[in-house]
Amino acid sequence: MGGIPQPNLNWNDPFEGSFEGSYVDEAGRYRIEHLLGEGGMGKVFLARDERLAGRQVAVKIMTACYATGYQVLLQRFEREVAVLAPLKSIHVVQISDFGLTPPDSIYEGAHFYVMEYLEGETLGQRLRAKSFLGLDETLPTVIQICAGLREAHQRGVIHRDLKPDNIFLVPEKSLGALVKILDFGIAKVVGEESREPNRPTTIGSFIGTYRYASPEQCLGRPDIDHRTDIYSLGMIIYRMLSGTNPFGIGQVVQDNGYKYWIDCHVHVEPIPLSSHPLCQDLPAGLEAVVMRCLCKDPQDRFADIDALEQALAALPGFNSGHWHWRLS
């Protein structure tokens, strides 16, 4: 996917309202409607694909050209395009196009890519609204996350930033929610370590989200593999079922305790899931599955996503054919 040209860095970041109604590409295919959101690398707009009867799409534009560490952000943006393009799982957000904004655009020469427009909410938003989720929501969500991770891992892609805010839930009648994994901006591609942006080269070079990062990721180890995603998924499952985290970290520390979180991931054993009031009646074996995901040593976790799925499918009451937990 290399060969993406350097952008023009002479523009200032304008008020997004002036961008509405304009085209993001020189061919005049994607017409901007309005801003959906923004993050560290850029902004995401709702647009219409006029070549496909006005189908709604989401366009991510890299608007961070004046940010500190711009070249690293650019590498991550380009990497996300390269990583997402070949992933065809229905449980991974789909990318369909990329390029540079035209010379007459207010974002002149900025990189962009086009992805499917998703309506719904992130798992993070749902958890902030409901605190915890029951088995009937948790297990279908987890199985679908596993399906998306399997596609990524089979292609040598390690997400490295799996967390509730990067899991999107699209309302769907038969599943309750169709799950999509988002944001592969810091993904690691096995075999491409020498070209990885911001590659940690010494112990302590942390990359990721500290609340959900594995011990080896917290230590900045350069040799992490797909099992780091299994740990992060274990953190997510624990949060969904219990309404809290495995280390008893309170809200004040959650908001301000970067070093404390790192220390817990590396040194503190997780609190048994069954000790939480919401988890007293979990099906036999489920706690062991979650706690195995959270093992400090990657060798002690599930060997891969297939093994994790098999452990879930072996639990009493689980019906994988219908994507749900059969509650008694």
Protein backbone atom coordinates (compact mmCIF):
# COMPACT_ATOMS: atom_id res chain seq x y z
CA MET A 1 0.00 0.00 0.00
CA GLY A 2 3.14 2.15 0.09
CA GLY A 3 3.77 5.03 -2.23
CA ILE A 4 1.19 7.34 -0.67
CA PRO A 5 2.51 10.86 -1.42
CA GLN A 6 3.34 13.45 1.19
CA PRO A 7 0.55 15.92 1.94
CA ASN A 8 0.62 19.68 1.61
CA LEU A 9 1.28 21.00 5.13
CA ASN A 10 0.44 24.65 4.43
CA TRP A 11 -3.22 24.62 5.47
CA ASN A 12 -4.66 25.39 8.88
CA ASP A 13 -7.37 23.18 10.34
CA PRO A 14 -10.57 25.04 9.39
CA PHE A 15 -14.03 25.00 10.86
CA GLU A 16 -15.53 21.74 9.72
CA GLY A 17 -18.83 23.36 8.71
CA SER A 18 -17.14 24.95 5.70
CA PHE A 19 -16.27 21.47 4.44
CA GLU A 20 -19.87 20.28 4.26
CA GLY A 21 -21.18 19.81 0.74
CA SER A 22 -17.71 19.61 -0.81
CA TYR A 23 -16.03 16.53 -2.26
CA VAL A 24 -13.23 14.77 -0.44
CA ASP A 25 -11.71 13.39 -3.67
CA GLU A 26 -10.69 14.86 -7.01
CA ALA A 27 -13.08 12.58 -8.91
CA GLY A 28 -16.07 14.09 -7.11
CA ARG A 29 -17.31 10.77 -5.78
CA TYR A 30 -17.58 11.32 -2.02
CA ARG A 31 -19.63 14.35 -0.94
CA ILE A 32 -19.22 15.41 2.69
CA GLU A 33 -22.37 15.80 4.80
CA HIS A 34 -21.21 16.51 8.35
CA LEU A 35 -18.64 15.74 11.03
CA LEU A 36 -19.13 12.49 12.94
CA GLY A 37 -16.19 12.71 15.33
CA GLU A 38 -12.49 13.30 15.72
CA GLY A 39 -9.48 11.80 17.40
CA GLY A 40 -5.74 12.12 17.66
CA MET A 41 -5.04 11.49 13.98
CA GLY A 42 -7.91 13.28 12.30
CA LYS A 43 -11.61 13.68 11.72
CA VAL A 44 -14.33 11.33 10.53
CA PHE A 45 -17.10 12.69 8.31
CA LEU A 46 -20.35 11.25 7.05
CA ALA A 47 -20.35 11.34 3.24
CA ARG A 48 -22.37 10.12 0.25
CA ASP A 49 -20.89 7.87 -2.40
CA GLU A 50 -22.48 9.39 -5.49
CA ARG A 51 -21.18 6.60 -7.71
CA LEU A 52 -23.29 4.15 -5.71
CA ALA A 53 -26.64 5.95 -5.58
CA GLY A 54 -25.71 8.15 -2.65
CA ARG A 55 -24.82 5.32 -0.28
CA GLN A 56 -23.66 6.62 3.09
CA VAL A 57 -19.99 6.09 3.92
CA ALA A 58 -17.60 7.34 6.58
CA VAL A 59 -14.50 9.25 5.50
CA LYS A 60 -11.51 9.55 7.82
CA ILE A 61 -9.27 12.49 6.97
CA MET A 62 -5.86 12.92 8.55
CA THR A 63 -5.98 16.51 9.75
CA ALA A 64 -3.16 16.28 12.32
CA CYS A 65 -0.35 17.58 10.11
CA TYR A 66 0.74 20.12 12.75
CA ALA A 67 0.63 17.64 15.61
CA THR A 68 3.78 16.68 17.48
CA GLY A 69 5.12 13.48 15.99
CA TYR A 70 3.28 13.97 12.71
CA GLN A 71 5.42 11.50 10.77
CA VAL A 72 4.59 8.74 13.27
CA LEU A 73 0.88 9.58 12.98
CA LEU A 74 1.16 9.50 9.20
CA GLN A 75 2.83 6.09 9.35
CA ARG A 76 0.03 4.81 11.59
CA PHE A 77 -2.63 6.22 9.27
CA GLU A 78 -0.99 4.57 6.27
CA ARG A 79 -0.58 1.35 8.25
CA GLU A 80 -4.25 1.30 9.18
CA VAL A 81 -5.16 1.50 5.48
CA ALA A 82 -2.72 -1.29 4.62
CA VAL A 83 -3.91 -3.51 7.48
CA LEU A 84 -7.66 -3.04 7.00
CA ALA A 85 -7.79 -3.38 3.22
CA PRO A 86 -7.30 -7.18 3.04
CA LEU A 87 -9.43 -8.01 6.11
CA LYS A 88 -12.80 -9.19 4.82
CA SER A 89 -14.47 -10.44 8.00
CA ILE A 90 -17.94 -9.02 8.59
CA HIS A 91 -16.70 -8.39 12.14
CA VAL A 92 -13.96 -5.96 11.08
CA VAL A 93 -14.82 -2.49 9.77
CA GLN A 94 -14.44 -2.49 5.98
CA ILE A 95 -12.35 0.03 4.03
CA SER A 96 -13.14 0.64 0.36
CA ASP A 97 -10.97 3.51 -0.92
CA PHE A 98 -8.17 5.93 -0.01
CA GLY A 99 -6.34 8.91 -1.47
CA LEU A 100 -5.50 12.60 -1.05
CA THR A 101 -7.94 15.49 -0.88
CA PRO A 102 -7.86 17.73 -4.03
CA PRO A 103 -5.81 20.93 -4.38
CA ASP A 104 -8.87 23.18 -4.03
CA SER A 105 -10.03 21.49 -0.81
CA ILE A 106 -9.74 23.28 2.52
CA TYR A 107 -7.86 20.14 3.58
CA GLU A 108 -5.57 20.39 0.57
CA GLY A 109 -3.45 17.29 0.09
CA ALA A 110 -4.57 15.52 3.28
CA HIS A 111 -4.72 11.73 3.37
CA PHE A 112 -8.14 10.12 3.62
CA TYR A 113 -9.72 6.71 3.49
CA VAL A 114 -13.32 5.60 3.00
CA MET A 115 -14.95 2.96 5.19
CA GLU A 116 -18.42 1.60 5.78
CA TYR A 117 -20.73 3.86 7.75
CA LEU A 118 -21.89 2.19 10.95
CA GLU A 119 -24.98 3.19 12.91
CA GLY A 120 -25.14 2.18 16.54
CA GLU A 121 -22.80 2.65 19.48
CA THR A 122 -19.48 1.44 20.78
CA LEU A 123 -19.29 -1.18 23.50
CA GLY A 124 -17.67 1.53 25.62
CA GLN A 125 -20.72 3.76 25.24
CA ARG A 126 -23.04 0.90 26.15
CA LEU A 127 -21.03 0.03 29.24
CA ARG A 128 -20.97 3.65 30.37
CA ALA A 129 -24.76 3.70 30.06
CA LYS A 130 -25.50 0.27 31.61
CA SER A 131 -22.39 -0.43 33.78
CA PHE A 132 -22.48 -4.16 32.99
CA LEU A 133 -24.03 -6.58 30.50
CA GLY A 134 -25.74 -9.89 31.09
CA LEU A 135 -24.70 -13.18 29.56
CA ASP A 136 -27.28 -12.82 26.81
CA GLU A 137 -25.41 -9.75 25.54
CA THR A 138 -21.87 -10.63 26.57
CA LEU A 139 -21.42 -14.02 24.95
CA PRO A 140 -22.72 -13.13 21.46
CA THR A 141 -20.51 -10.04 21.53
CA VAL A 142 -17.44 -12.02 22.58
CA ILE A 143 -17.95 -14.73 19.96
CA GLN A 144 -18.17 -12.09 17.23
CA ILE A 145 -15.04 -10.33 18.51
CA CYS A 146 -13.31 -13.70 18.32
CA ALA A 147 -14.45 -14.11 14.71
CA GLY A 148 -12.97 -10.74 13.76
CA LEU A 149 -9.73 -11.44 15.61
CA ARG A 150 -9.42 -14.84 13.94
CA GLU A 151 -9.42 -13.19 10.51
CA ALA A 152 -6.83 -10.65 11.65
CA HIS A 153 -4.58 -13.17 13.39
CA GLN A 154 -4.67 -15.58 10.45
CA ARG A 155 -3.30 -12.74 8.32
CA GLY A 156 -0.60 -11.99 10.87
CA VAL A 157 -2.26 -8.84 12.22
CA ILE A 158 -2.19 -8.17 15.98
CA HIS A 159 -4.60 -5.39 16.97
CA ARG A 160 -2.80 -4.22 20.16
CA ASP A 161 -5.52 -1.73 21.14
CA LEU A 162 -8.55 -3.89 21.79
CA LYS A 163 -10.90 -2.10 24.19
CA PRO A 164 -14.63 -1.34 24.49
CA ASP A 165 -14.31 1.94 22.58
CA ASN A 166 -12.87 0.03 19.61
CA ILE A 167 -15.77 -2.43 19.50
CA PHE A 168 -18.81 -1.16 17.58
CA LEU A 169 -22.32 -2.58 18.02
CA VAL A 170 -24.68 -2.31 15.06
CA PRO A 171 -28.30 -3.17 15.96
CA GLU A 172 -29.26 -6.41 14.24
CA LYS A 173 -32.46 -8.38 14.81
CA SER A 174 -31.16 -11.95 14.94
CA LEU A 175 -27.90 -11.22 16.80
CA GLY A 176 -29.02 -8.34 18.98
CA ALA A 177 -25.95 -6.51 17.73
CA LEU A 178 -23.57 -7.08 14.85
CA VAL A 179 -20.06 -6.55 16.23
CA LYS A 180 -17.34 -4.69 14.32
CA ILE A 181 -13.73 -4.25 15.47
CA LEU A 182 -12.42 -0.72 14.82
CA ASP A 183 -9.12 1.18 14.80
CA PHE A 184 -6.12 -0.80 13.61
CA GLY A 185 -3.89 2.29 13.77
CA ILE A 186 -1.29 0.67 16.05
CA ALA A 187 -1.71 -2.88 14.78
CA LYS A 188 1.41 -5.00 14.45
CA VAL A 189 1.91 -7.08 11.33
CA VAL A 190 3.95 -10.22 11.96
CA GLY A 191 7.07 -10.21 9.80
CA GLU A 192 7.03 -6.43 9.29
CA GLU A 193 8.49 -5.41 12.64
CA SER A 194 11.38 -3.51 11.04
CA ARG A 195 8.89 -1.22 9.28
CA GLU A 196 6.59 -0.73 12.25
CA PRO A 197 5.95 2.92 13.23
CA ASN A 198 7.05 3.86 16.74
CA ARG A 199 8.37 0.36 17.25
CA PRO A 200 9.33 -0.24 20.88
CA THR A 201 13.00 -1.16 21.00
CA THR A 202 13.58 -1.09 24.74
CA ILE A 203 11.73 -2.39 27.74
CA GLY A 204 9.34 0.31 28.95
CA SER A 205 8.36 1.75 25.56
CA PHE A 206 4.61 1.42 25.97
CA ILE A 207 2.12 1.53 23.10
CA GLY A 208 -1.62 0.93 23.48
CA THR A 209 -4.35 1.75 26.03
CA TYR A 210 -3.10 1.05 29.54
CA ARG A 211 -6.43 -0.06 31.02
CA TYR A 212 -6.67 -3.02 28.61
CA ALA A 213 -3.03 -3.69 27.69
CA SER A 214 -1.31 -7.00 28.39
CA PRO A 215 1.64 -7.25 30.80
CA GLU A 216 4.09 -7.73 27.93
CA GLN A 217 2.64 -4.71 26.17
CA CYS A 218 2.92 -2.63 29.34
CA LEU A 219 6.60 -3.59 29.51
CA GLY A 220 7.11 -2.46 25.92
CA ARG A 221 8.34 -5.85 24.79
CA PRO A 222 9.02 -5.93 21.04
CA ASP A 223 8.20 -9.64 20.73
CA ILE A 224 4.48 -9.57 21.60
CA ASP A 225 2.19 -11.82 19.57
CA HIS A 226 -1.53 -12.49 19.09
CA ARG A 227 -1.92 -13.52 22.72
CA THR A 228 -1.75 -9.87 23.74
CA ASP A 229 -5.19 -9.48 22.09
CA ILE A 230 -6.46 -12.47 24.07
CA TYR A 231 -5.47 -10.73 27.32
CA SER A 232 -7.21 -7.52 26.24
CA LEU A 233 -10.31 -9.51 25.33
CA GLY A 234 -10.22 -11.09 28.79
CA MET A 235 -10.18 -7.59 30.30
CA ILE A 236 -13.20 -6.68 28.18
CA ILE A 237 -15.16 -9.80 29.16
CA TYR A 238 -14.38 -9.21 32.84
CA ARG A 239 -15.62 -5.62 32.56
CA MET A 240 -18.79 -6.66 30.72
CA LEU A 241 -19.78 -9.29 33.27
CA SER A 242 -18.70 -7.65 36.54
CA GLY A 243 -19.12 -3.96 35.81
CA THR A 244 -15.60 -3.31 37.06
CA ASN A 245 -11.94 -4.23 36.49
CA PRO A 246 -9.92 -7.22 37.76
CA PHE A 247 -7.74 -5.20 40.14
CA GLY A 248 -10.27 -3.30 42.24
CA ILE A 249 -9.09 0.02 40.83
CA GLY A 250 -11.46 2.84 41.81
CA GLN A 251 -12.66 5.65 39.57
CA VAL A 252 -10.13 8.25 40.77
CA VAL A 253 -7.24 5.90 40.06
CA GLN A 254 -8.88 4.79 36.80
CA ASP A 255 -8.81 8.36 35.56
CA ASN A 256 -5.34 9.27 36.82
CA GLY A 257 -3.41 6.12 37.62
CA TYR A 258 -1.41 5.26 34.51
CA LYS A 259 1.53 3.82 36.48
CA TYR A 260 -0.77 2.02 38.91
CA TRP A 261 -2.58 0.29 36.05
CA ILE A 262 0.72 -0.76 34.50
CA ASP A 263 1.90 -2.19 37.82
CA CYS A 264 -1.35 -4.13 38.25
CA HIS A 265 -1.20 -5.64 34.77
CA VAL A 266 2.39 -6.74 35.33
CA HIS A 267 2.41 -7.78 39.00
CA VAL A 268 -1.08 -8.02 40.56
CA GLU A 269 -3.17 -11.17 40.20
CA PRO A 270 -6.75 -10.48 39.04
CA ILE A 271 -9.58 -10.75 41.54
CA PRO A 272 -11.63 -13.91 40.90
CA LEU A 273 -14.62 -13.07 38.75
CA SER A 274 -16.97 -15.00 41.04
CA SER A 275 -16.15 -12.68 43.95
CA HIS A 276 -18.25 -9.93 42.37
CA PRO A 277 -21.96 -9.81 43.29
CA LEU A 278 -23.00 -9.73 39.63
CA CYS A 279 -21.04 -12.90 38.88
CA GLN A 280 -22.25 -15.27 41.59
CA ASP A 281 -24.29 -17.41 39.21
CA LEU A 282 -22.06 -17.65 36.16
CA PRO A 283 -22.19 -20.95 34.27
CA ALA A 284 -19.63 -23.49 35.42
CA GLY A 285 -16.31 -22.99 33.70
CA LEU A 286 -16.84 -19.44 32.46
CA GLU A 287 -14.75 -17.89 35.22
CA ALA A 288 -11.85 -20.22 34.38
CA VAL A 289 -12.03 -19.16 30.72
CA VAL A 290 -11.88 -15.46 31.59
CA MET A 291 -9.12 -15.89 34.17
CA ARG A 292 -7.02 -17.91 31.73
CA CYS A 293 -7.23 -15.03 29.26
CA LEU A 294 -5.80 -12.82 32.01
CA CYS A 295 -2.73 -14.90 32.82
CA LYS A 296 0.43 -12.81 33.16
CA ASP A 297 2.52 -15.19 31.07
CA PRO A 298 1.32 -15.43 27.44
CA GLN A 299 2.27 -19.12 27.51
CA ASP A 300 -0.44 -19.72 30.12
CA ARG A 301 -3.23 -18.10 28.07
CA PHE A 302 -5.17 -19.75 25.29
CA ALA A 303 -2.81 -20.57 22.45
CA ASP A 304 -5.02 -18.81 19.92
CA ILE A 305 -8.53 -17.53 19.29
CA ASP A 306 -9.69 -20.96 18.11
CA ALA A 307 -8.77 -22.45 21.48
CA LEU A 308 -10.65 -19.68 23.28
CA GLU A 309 -13.73 -20.23 21.13
CA GLN A 310 -13.59 -23.97 21.77
CA ALA A 311 -13.48 -23.34 25.51
CA LEU A 312 -16.52 -21.07 25.27
CA ALA A 313 -18.41 -23.56 23.10
CA ALA A 314 -17.77 -26.31 25.67
CA LEU A 315 -19.52 -24.39 28.45
CA PRO A 316 -22.96 -25.68 29.47
CA GLY A 317 -25.84 -23.94 27.72
CA PHE A 318 -23.82 -22.38 24.93
CA ASN A 319 -25.40 -22.60 21.48
CA SER A 320 -22.88 -21.35 18.90
CA GLY A 321 -25.26 -22.04 16.02
CA HIS A 322 -27.65 -19.38 17.30
CA TRP A 323 -24.97 -16.96 18.60
CA HIS A 324 -26.50 -16.80 22.02
CA TRP A 325 -26.32 -18.08 25.54
CA ARG A 326 -29.30 -20.27 26.34
CA LEU A 327 -30.38 -19.03 29.74
CA SER A 328 -32.35 -21.30 32.07
